[in-house]
Amino acid sequence: MVANPDPYGADPRIKPQGIITAYKPASLTSPDCEEKESVRSVEGVRGLLARYLTGRLEDGSVCLEVLGLEVIDQGRRFTVVVELIAPDGHWRVRLECDSSEHRIFDGSSPGELVQAVAMSLRIRLFEWWHTKGSERQSARLGERLDQGRFR
């Protein structure tokens, strides 16, 4: 009988891996991390996107006044509901976001990702405006909140 000198058992294929320790670098305890942690919530994402989307938006041919937005998390996707004043009235527009944009919820979203998601939403908002009268899919995204002519 041959004795196995391995302290982990009889199987010589099992190799010791050393000691695993948990460690939290100082960068994870900085004040910047606190903001990143809040990104995981719907309110945190709404706050980050609102910086880039609320207020007066112009694309050269139309001005949209974004009054507010709501974020609805749906697992791997999310929806941004934008309330705005357009030249023809008061609207609520639902913009769907896919799993690549959902990374904004992971708690470590860099500023570039937030800006990219906001820019994508802004582009889709203007696409909706310019195509709502001619494309059914675009028309379904918007809901008119006032009846008749506005302003």
N, C-alpha and C. Protein backbone atom coordinates (compact mmCIF):
# COMPACT_ATOMS: atom_id res chain seq x y z
N MET A 1 0.84 -1.16 0.00
CA MET A 1 0.00 0.00 0.00
C MET A 1 0.89 1.24 0.00
N VAL A 2 0.57 2.18 -0.92
CA VAL A 2 1.35 3.41 -1.04
C VAL A 2 0.55 4.53 -0.39
N ALA A 3 1.17 5.26 0.47
CA ALA A 3 0.50 6.38 1.14
C ALA A 3 0.51 7.59 0.22
N ASN A 4 -0.60 8.27 0.17
CA ASN A 4 -0.70 9.49 -0.64
C ASN A 4 -0.28 10.67 0.22
N PRO A 5 0.79 11.37 -0.16
CA PRO A 5 1.23 12.49 0.64
C PRO A 5 0.35 13.74 0.49
N ASP A 6 -0.60 13.71 -0.44
CA ASP A 6 -1.43 14.88 -0.68
C ASP A 6 -2.40 15.09 0.49
N PRO A 7 -2.39 16.28 1.11
CA PRO A 7 -3.27 16.53 2.26
C PRO A 7 -4.74 16.68 1.89
N TYR A 8 -5.11 16.77 0.59
CA TYR A 8 -6.48 17.00 0.20
C TYR A 8 -7.24 15.72 -0.12
N GLY A 9 -6.65 14.60 0.03
CA GLY A 9 -7.36 13.35 -0.22
C GLY A 9 -6.55 12.41 -1.07
N ALA A 10 -7.20 11.35 -1.51
CA ALA A 10 -6.52 10.28 -2.22
C ALA A 10 -6.29 10.59 -3.70
N ASP A 11 -6.99 11.53 -4.26
CA ASP A 11 -6.86 11.81 -5.69
C ASP A 11 -5.69 12.76 -5.93
N PRO A 12 -4.62 12.28 -6.58
CA PRO A 12 -3.45 13.13 -6.80
C PRO A 12 -3.69 14.25 -7.80
N ARG A 13 -4.83 14.21 -8.54
CA ARG A 13 -5.12 15.29 -9.49
C ARG A 13 -5.58 16.56 -8.79
N ILE A 14 -6.02 16.45 -7.55
CA ILE A 14 -6.49 17.63 -6.82
C ILE A 14 -5.27 18.36 -6.28
N LYS A 15 -5.11 19.59 -6.70
CA LYS A 15 -3.96 20.40 -6.28
C LYS A 15 -4.44 21.49 -5.33
N PRO A 16 -3.63 21.80 -4.34
CA PRO A 16 -4.00 22.89 -3.45
C PRO A 16 -4.00 24.21 -4.21
N GLN A 17 -4.99 25.06 -3.95
CA GLN A 17 -5.12 26.33 -4.65
C GLN A 17 -4.66 27.52 -3.81
N GLY A 18 -4.28 27.28 -2.61
CA GLY A 18 -3.88 28.39 -1.74
C GLY A 18 -5.07 28.89 -0.95
N ILE A 19 -4.87 29.96 -0.26
CA ILE A 19 -5.92 30.52 0.59
C ILE A 19 -6.64 31.62 -0.18
N ILE A 20 -7.95 31.55 -0.18
CA ILE A 20 -8.76 32.56 -0.85
C ILE A 20 -9.24 33.52 0.21
N THR A 21 -8.98 34.79 -0.02
CA THR A 21 -9.43 35.80 0.94
C THR A 21 -10.32 36.81 0.23
N ALA A 22 -11.28 37.32 0.95
CA ALA A 22 -12.15 38.36 0.40
C ALA A 22 -11.46 39.69 0.65
N TYR A 23 -11.49 40.56 -0.34
CA TYR A 23 -10.81 41.83 -0.20
C TYR A 23 -11.61 42.88 -0.96
N LYS A 24 -11.76 44.02 -0.36
CA LYS A 24 -12.49 45.12 -0.97
C LYS A 24 -11.53 46.28 -1.16
N PRO A 25 -11.13 46.56 -2.39
CA PRO A 25 -10.20 47.64 -2.62
C PRO A 25 -10.77 48.98 -2.20
N ALA A 26 -9.89 49.92 -1.90
CA ALA A 26 -10.31 51.25 -1.45
C ALA A 26 -11.18 51.94 -2.50
N SER A 27 -10.96 51.64 -3.78
CA SER A 27 -11.75 52.28 -4.84
C SER A 27 -13.23 51.93 -4.74
N LEU A 28 -13.55 50.79 -4.12
CA LEU A 28 -14.95 50.41 -3.98
C LEU A 28 -15.63 51.07 -2.79
N THR A 29 -14.87 51.73 -1.96
CA THR A 29 -15.46 52.40 -0.81
C THR A 29 -15.43 53.92 -0.97
N SER A 30 -15.05 54.40 -2.14
CA SER A 30 -14.98 55.84 -2.38
C SER A 30 -16.39 56.41 -2.54
N PRO A 31 -16.54 57.73 -2.42
CA PRO A 31 -17.85 58.35 -2.61
C PRO A 31 -18.43 58.09 -4.00
N ASP A 32 -17.56 57.95 -5.03
CA ASP A 32 -18.05 57.67 -6.38
C ASP A 32 -18.82 56.37 -6.42
N CYS A 33 -18.41 55.41 -5.61
CA CYS A 33 -19.05 54.10 -5.59
C CYS A 33 -20.48 54.21 -5.08
N GLU A 34 -20.72 55.14 -4.17
CA GLU A 34 -22.08 55.28 -3.62
C GLU A 34 -23.05 55.62 -4.74
N GLU A 35 -22.63 56.51 -5.66
CA GLU A 35 -23.52 56.84 -6.77
C GLU A 35 -23.73 55.63 -7.66
N LYS A 36 -22.68 54.88 -7.91
CA LYS A 36 -22.80 53.70 -8.76
C LYS A 36 -23.73 52.67 -8.15
N GLU A 37 -23.68 52.50 -6.84
CA GLU A 37 -24.57 51.54 -6.20
C GLU A 37 -26.02 51.94 -6.39
N SER A 38 -26.34 53.26 -6.37
CA SER A 38 -27.72 53.68 -6.52
C SER A 38 -28.23 53.45 -7.94
N VAL A 39 -27.32 53.24 -8.88
CA VAL A 39 -27.72 53.00 -10.26
C VAL A 39 -28.53 51.73 -10.39
N ARG A 40 -28.38 50.82 -9.48
CA ARG A 40 -29.11 49.55 -9.55
C ARG A 40 -30.61 49.73 -9.42
N SER A 41 -31.04 50.80 -8.79
CA SER A 41 -32.47 51.02 -8.62
C SER A 41 -33.04 51.74 -9.84
N VAL A 42 -34.33 51.60 -10.03
CA VAL A 42 -35.03 52.29 -11.11
C VAL A 42 -34.89 53.80 -10.94
N GLU A 43 -35.01 54.27 -9.71
CA GLU A 43 -34.89 55.71 -9.45
C GLU A 43 -33.48 56.21 -9.76
N GLY A 44 -32.48 55.41 -9.46
CA GLY A 44 -31.11 55.79 -9.77
C GLY A 44 -30.89 55.93 -11.27
N VAL A 45 -31.41 54.98 -12.03
CA VAL A 45 -31.29 55.03 -13.49
C VAL A 45 -32.06 56.23 -14.03
N ARG A 46 -33.26 56.45 -13.50
CA ARG A 46 -34.06 57.60 -13.93
C ARG A 46 -33.29 58.90 -13.69
N GLY A 47 -32.66 59.01 -12.53
CA GLY A 47 -31.88 60.20 -12.21
C GLY A 47 -30.72 60.42 -13.16
N LEU A 48 -30.01 59.35 -13.49
CA LEU A 48 -28.89 59.47 -14.42
C LEU A 48 -29.34 59.88 -15.81
N LEU A 49 -30.43 59.27 -16.30
CA LEU A 49 -30.92 59.59 -17.64
C LEU A 49 -31.56 60.98 -17.70
N ALA A 50 -32.20 61.38 -16.61
CA ALA A 50 -32.88 62.68 -16.58
C ALA A 50 -31.89 63.82 -16.81
N ARG A 51 -30.65 63.65 -16.36
CA ARG A 51 -29.63 64.69 -16.57
C ARG A 51 -29.46 65.01 -18.04
N TYR A 52 -29.62 64.02 -18.90
CA TYR A 52 -29.39 64.19 -20.33
C TYR A 52 -30.66 64.36 -21.15
N LEU A 53 -31.81 64.03 -20.58
CA LEU A 53 -33.04 64.00 -21.38
C LEU A 53 -34.09 65.04 -21.01
N THR A 54 -34.08 65.56 -19.81
CA THR A 54 -35.14 66.51 -19.45
C THR A 54 -34.76 67.92 -19.90
N GLY A 55 -35.79 68.71 -20.13
CA GLY A 55 -35.59 70.07 -20.60
C GLY A 55 -35.86 70.17 -22.09
N ARG A 56 -35.29 71.19 -22.67
CA ARG A 56 -35.52 71.50 -24.08
C ARG A 56 -34.56 70.70 -24.96
N LEU A 57 -35.12 69.93 -25.90
CA LEU A 57 -34.34 69.15 -26.85
C LEU A 57 -34.65 69.65 -28.25
N GLU A 58 -33.62 69.87 -29.04
CA GLU A 58 -33.80 70.35 -30.41
C GLU A 58 -33.00 69.50 -31.37
N ASP A 59 -33.55 69.30 -32.57
CA ASP A 59 -32.82 68.56 -33.59
C ASP A 59 -32.63 69.36 -34.87
N GLY A 60 -32.92 70.65 -34.82
CA GLY A 60 -32.77 71.50 -36.00
C GLY A 60 -34.09 71.83 -36.67
N SER A 61 -35.07 70.94 -36.54
CA SER A 61 -36.36 71.22 -37.17
C SER A 61 -37.52 71.26 -36.19
N VAL A 62 -37.31 70.75 -34.98
CA VAL A 62 -38.38 70.75 -33.98
C VAL A 62 -37.77 70.87 -32.59
N CYS A 63 -38.56 71.46 -31.71
CA CYS A 63 -38.14 71.57 -30.30
C CYS A 63 -39.14 70.78 -29.45
N LEU A 64 -38.61 69.87 -28.64
CA LEU A 64 -39.44 69.09 -27.72
C LEU A 64 -39.04 69.47 -26.30
N GLU A 65 -40.01 69.74 -25.45
CA GLU A 65 -39.75 70.08 -24.06
C GLU A 65 -40.09 68.85 -23.21
N VAL A 66 -39.06 68.16 -22.71
CA VAL A 66 -39.26 66.96 -21.90
C VAL A 66 -39.52 67.38 -20.46
N LEU A 67 -40.71 67.06 -19.98
CA LEU A 67 -41.12 67.45 -18.64
C LEU A 67 -40.65 66.46 -17.58
N GLY A 68 -40.56 65.20 -17.94
CA GLY A 68 -40.15 64.18 -16.99
C GLY A 68 -40.08 62.82 -17.65
N LEU A 69 -39.54 61.88 -16.91
CA LEU A 69 -39.46 60.52 -17.43
C LEU A 69 -39.58 59.52 -16.31
N GLU A 70 -40.01 58.33 -16.68
CA GLU A 70 -40.18 57.21 -15.76
C GLU A 70 -39.45 56.02 -16.36
N VAL A 71 -38.80 55.22 -15.51
CA VAL A 71 -38.10 54.02 -15.97
C VAL A 71 -38.83 52.81 -15.40
N ILE A 72 -39.14 51.85 -16.26
CA ILE A 72 -39.82 50.62 -15.83
C ILE A 72 -38.90 49.45 -16.17
N ASP A 73 -38.39 48.79 -15.13
CA ASP A 73 -37.48 47.66 -15.31
C ASP A 73 -38.30 46.41 -15.57
N GLN A 74 -37.92 45.65 -16.62
CA GLN A 74 -38.64 44.43 -16.99
C GLN A 74 -37.68 43.25 -17.09
N GLY A 75 -36.74 43.16 -16.17
CA GLY A 75 -35.78 42.06 -16.20
C GLY A 75 -34.59 42.39 -17.07
N ARG A 76 -34.53 41.80 -18.25
CA ARG A 76 -33.41 42.05 -19.15
C ARG A 76 -33.66 43.24 -20.09
N ARG A 77 -34.82 43.82 -19.98
CA ARG A 77 -35.19 44.97 -20.80
C ARG A 77 -35.76 46.03 -19.88
N PHE A 78 -35.87 47.24 -20.38
CA PHE A 78 -36.57 48.27 -19.62
C PHE A 78 -37.22 49.25 -20.59
N THR A 79 -38.18 49.98 -20.07
CA THR A 79 -38.92 50.96 -20.85
C THR A 79 -38.73 52.33 -20.21
N VAL A 80 -38.52 53.33 -21.03
CA VAL A 80 -38.47 54.70 -20.55
C VAL A 80 -39.72 55.40 -21.09
N VAL A 81 -40.51 55.94 -20.16
CA VAL A 81 -41.73 56.66 -20.52
C VAL A 81 -41.42 58.14 -20.37
N VAL A 82 -41.53 58.86 -21.48
CA VAL A 82 -41.16 60.28 -21.53
C VAL A 82 -42.43 61.11 -21.67
N GLU A 83 -42.58 62.10 -20.81
CA GLU A 83 -43.69 63.05 -20.95
C GLU A 83 -43.12 64.33 -21.52
N LEU A 84 -43.76 64.83 -22.60
CA LEU A 84 -43.19 65.99 -23.28
C LEU A 84 -44.25 66.89 -23.88
N ILE A 85 -43.82 68.12 -24.15
CA ILE A 85 -44.63 69.08 -24.87
C ILE A 85 -44.00 69.21 -26.25
N ALA A 86 -44.79 68.97 -27.28
CA ALA A 86 -44.35 69.09 -28.67
C ALA A 86 -45.12 70.24 -29.31
N PRO A 87 -44.75 70.64 -30.52
CA PRO A 87 -45.47 71.73 -31.17
C PRO A 87 -46.97 71.50 -31.30
N ASP A 88 -47.40 70.24 -31.34
CA ASP A 88 -48.83 69.97 -31.50
C ASP A 88 -49.52 69.46 -30.25
N GLY A 89 -48.86 69.48 -29.10
CA GLY A 89 -49.54 69.06 -27.89
C GLY A 89 -48.67 68.40 -26.84
N HIS A 90 -49.36 67.83 -25.87
CA HIS A 90 -48.76 67.18 -24.71
C HIS A 90 -48.80 65.67 -24.95
N TRP A 91 -47.65 65.00 -24.86
CA TRP A 91 -47.55 63.60 -25.21
C TRP A 91 -46.85 62.78 -24.13
N ARG A 92 -47.15 61.48 -24.14
CA ARG A 92 -46.41 60.49 -23.36
C ARG A 92 -45.91 59.46 -24.37
N VAL A 93 -44.59 59.22 -24.38
CA VAL A 93 -43.98 58.33 -25.36
C VAL A 93 -43.25 57.21 -24.63
N ARG A 94 -43.49 55.97 -25.05
CA ARG A 94 -42.84 54.79 -24.45
C ARG A 94 -41.73 54.30 -25.37
N LEU A 95 -40.50 54.29 -24.85
CA LEU A 95 -39.34 53.84 -25.62
C LEU A 95 -38.77 52.59 -24.98
N GLU A 96 -38.75 51.50 -25.74
CA GLU A 96 -38.24 50.22 -25.24
C GLU A 96 -36.73 50.18 -25.36
N CYS A 97 -36.07 49.60 -24.36
CA CYS A 97 -34.61 49.45 -24.36
C CYS A 97 -34.26 47.97 -24.24
N ASP A 98 -33.23 47.55 -24.94
CA ASP A 98 -32.88 46.13 -24.98
C ASP A 98 -31.83 45.76 -23.93
N SER A 99 -31.39 44.51 -23.98
CA SER A 99 -30.48 43.98 -22.96
C SER A 99 -29.12 44.67 -22.98
N SER A 100 -28.65 45.15 -24.13
CA SER A 100 -27.36 45.84 -24.14
C SER A 100 -27.45 47.16 -23.38
N GLU A 101 -28.58 47.83 -23.46
CA GLU A 101 -28.78 49.08 -22.72
C GLU A 101 -29.08 48.80 -21.25
N HIS A 102 -29.57 47.61 -20.94
CA HIS A 102 -29.92 47.27 -19.57
C HIS A 102 -28.69 47.21 -18.66
N ARG A 103 -27.50 47.18 -19.24
CA ARG A 103 -26.27 47.17 -18.43
C ARG A 103 -26.18 48.40 -17.53
N ILE A 104 -26.97 49.41 -17.82
CA ILE A 104 -26.98 50.61 -17.00
C ILE A 104 -27.44 50.30 -15.57
N PHE A 105 -28.13 49.18 -15.38
CA PHE A 105 -28.62 48.77 -14.06
C PHE A 105 -27.59 48.00 -13.25
N ASP A 106 -26.46 47.63 -13.82
CA ASP A 106 -25.55 46.71 -13.13
C ASP A 106 -24.76 47.31 -11.98
N GLY A 107 -24.91 48.59 -11.73
CA GLY A 107 -24.26 49.20 -10.58
C GLY A 107 -22.86 49.72 -10.86
N SER A 108 -22.33 49.44 -12.02
CA SER A 108 -20.99 49.94 -12.33
C SER A 108 -20.96 50.58 -13.71
N SER A 109 -22.09 51.15 -14.10
CA SER A 109 -22.18 51.71 -15.44
C SER A 109 -21.32 52.98 -15.54
N PRO A 110 -20.38 52.98 -16.49
CA PRO A 110 -19.54 54.16 -16.67
C PRO A 110 -20.34 55.30 -17.30
N GLY A 111 -19.82 56.49 -17.19
CA GLY A 111 -20.49 57.66 -17.75
C GLY A 111 -20.74 57.54 -19.24
N GLU A 112 -19.81 56.87 -19.95
CA GLU A 112 -19.98 56.72 -21.40
C GLU A 112 -21.21 55.89 -21.72
N LEU A 113 -21.50 54.86 -20.92
CA LEU A 113 -22.68 54.03 -21.16
C LEU A 113 -23.94 54.84 -20.91
N VAL A 114 -23.97 55.61 -19.83
CA VAL A 114 -25.14 56.44 -19.52
C VAL A 114 -25.39 57.42 -20.66
N GLN A 115 -24.33 58.07 -21.14
CA GLN A 115 -24.47 59.02 -22.24
C GLN A 115 -24.94 58.33 -23.52
N ALA A 116 -24.42 57.13 -23.79
CA ALA A 116 -24.82 56.40 -24.99
C ALA A 116 -26.29 56.00 -24.93
N VAL A 117 -26.75 55.52 -23.78
CA VAL A 117 -28.17 55.15 -23.63
C VAL A 117 -29.05 56.39 -23.78
N ALA A 118 -28.63 57.50 -23.15
CA ALA A 118 -29.40 58.74 -23.24
C ALA A 118 -29.46 59.24 -24.69
N MET A 119 -28.34 59.17 -25.41
CA MET A 119 -28.31 59.62 -26.80
C MET A 119 -29.21 58.72 -27.67
N SER A 120 -29.18 57.42 -27.42
CA SER A 120 -30.04 56.49 -28.15
C SER A 120 -31.51 56.84 -27.91
N LEU A 121 -31.87 57.12 -26.68
CA LEU A 121 -33.26 57.48 -26.35
C LEU A 121 -33.64 58.80 -27.02
N ARG A 122 -32.74 59.74 -27.01
CA ARG A 122 -33.00 61.04 -27.63
C ARG A 122 -33.23 60.88 -29.13
N ILE A 123 -32.39 60.08 -29.79
CA ILE A 123 -32.55 59.83 -31.23
C ILE A 123 -33.89 59.18 -31.51
N ARG A 124 -34.26 58.17 -30.70
CA ARG A 124 -35.54 57.49 -30.92
C ARG A 124 -36.72 58.40 -30.64
N LEU A 125 -36.55 59.33 -29.71
CA LEU A 125 -37.61 60.29 -29.43
C LEU A 125 -37.86 61.19 -30.65
N PHE A 126 -36.80 61.68 -31.28
CA PHE A 126 -36.97 62.49 -32.49
C PHE A 126 -37.46 61.65 -33.67
N GLU A 127 -37.02 60.40 -33.77
CA GLU A 127 -37.54 59.50 -34.82
C GLU A 127 -39.05 59.34 -34.65
N TRP A 128 -39.48 59.13 -33.41
CA TRP A 128 -40.92 59.02 -33.14
C TRP A 128 -41.63 60.28 -33.62
N TRP A 129 -41.11 61.44 -33.26
CA TRP A 129 -41.77 62.69 -33.62
C TRP A 129 -41.92 62.82 -35.14
N HIS A 130 -40.84 62.54 -35.86
CA HIS A 130 -40.84 62.75 -37.31
C HIS A 130 -41.61 61.67 -38.08
N THR A 131 -41.83 60.50 -37.46
CA THR A 131 -42.50 59.41 -38.20
C THR A 131 -43.87 59.03 -37.64
N LYS A 132 -44.31 59.65 -36.56
CA LYS A 132 -45.57 59.24 -35.92
C LYS A 132 -46.78 59.41 -36.84
N GLY A 133 -46.71 60.33 -37.77
CA GLY A 133 -47.82 60.54 -38.69
C GLY A 133 -47.83 59.59 -39.87
N SER A 134 -46.72 58.91 -40.13
CA SER A 134 -46.65 58.07 -41.32
C SER A 134 -46.39 56.59 -41.04
N GLU A 135 -45.95 56.25 -39.86
CA GLU A 135 -45.66 54.85 -39.53
C GLU A 135 -46.47 54.40 -38.32
N ARG A 136 -47.20 53.30 -38.48
CA ARG A 136 -48.05 52.82 -37.38
C ARG A 136 -47.25 52.44 -36.14
N GLN A 137 -46.10 51.81 -36.35
CA GLN A 137 -45.29 51.38 -35.21
C GLN A 137 -44.86 52.60 -34.39
N SER A 138 -44.48 53.67 -35.04
CA SER A 138 -44.12 54.90 -34.33
C SER A 138 -45.33 55.52 -33.65
N ALA A 139 -46.44 55.53 -34.35
CA ALA A 139 -47.66 56.12 -33.78
C ALA A 139 -48.07 55.42 -32.49
N ARG A 140 -47.87 54.10 -32.42
CA ARG A 140 -48.26 53.35 -31.22
C ARG A 140 -47.40 53.69 -30.00
N LEU A 141 -46.22 54.23 -30.21
CA LEU A 141 -45.35 54.57 -29.08
C LEU A 141 -45.85 55.78 -28.31
N GLY A 142 -46.58 56.66 -28.98
CA GLY A 142 -47.02 57.90 -28.34
C GLY A 142 -48.48 57.88 -27.97
N GLU A 143 -48.77 58.57 -26.87
CA GLU A 143 -50.15 58.74 -26.40
C GLU A 143 -50.38 60.23 -26.16
N ARG A 144 -51.36 60.77 -26.83
CA ARG A 144 -51.67 62.20 -26.67
C ARG A 144 -52.37 62.41 -25.34
N LEU A 145 -51.88 63.35 -24.55
CA LEU A 145 -52.46 63.61 -23.23
C LEU A 145 -53.45 64.76 -23.24
N ASP A 146 -53.48 65.54 -24.28
CA ASP A 146 -54.46 66.61 -24.39
C ASP A 146 -55.28 66.38 -25.66
N GLN A 147 -56.47 66.90 -25.69
CA GLN A 147 -57.32 66.77 -26.87
C GLN A 147 -57.37 68.12 -27.57
N GLY A 148 -57.30 68.08 -28.87
CA GLY A 148 -57.39 69.32 -29.63
C GLY A 148 -56.02 69.99 -29.77
N ARG A 149 -56.06 71.19 -30.24
CA ARG A 149 -54.84 71.97 -30.51
C ARG A 149 -54.23 72.46 -29.21
N PHE A 150 -52.93 72.43 -29.14
CA PHE A 150 -52.19 72.90 -27.95
C PHE A 150 -51.54 74.22 -28.27
N ARG A 151 -51.59 75.13 -27.33
CA ARG A 151 -51.01 76.49 -27.45
C ARG A 151 -51.70 77.24 -28.52
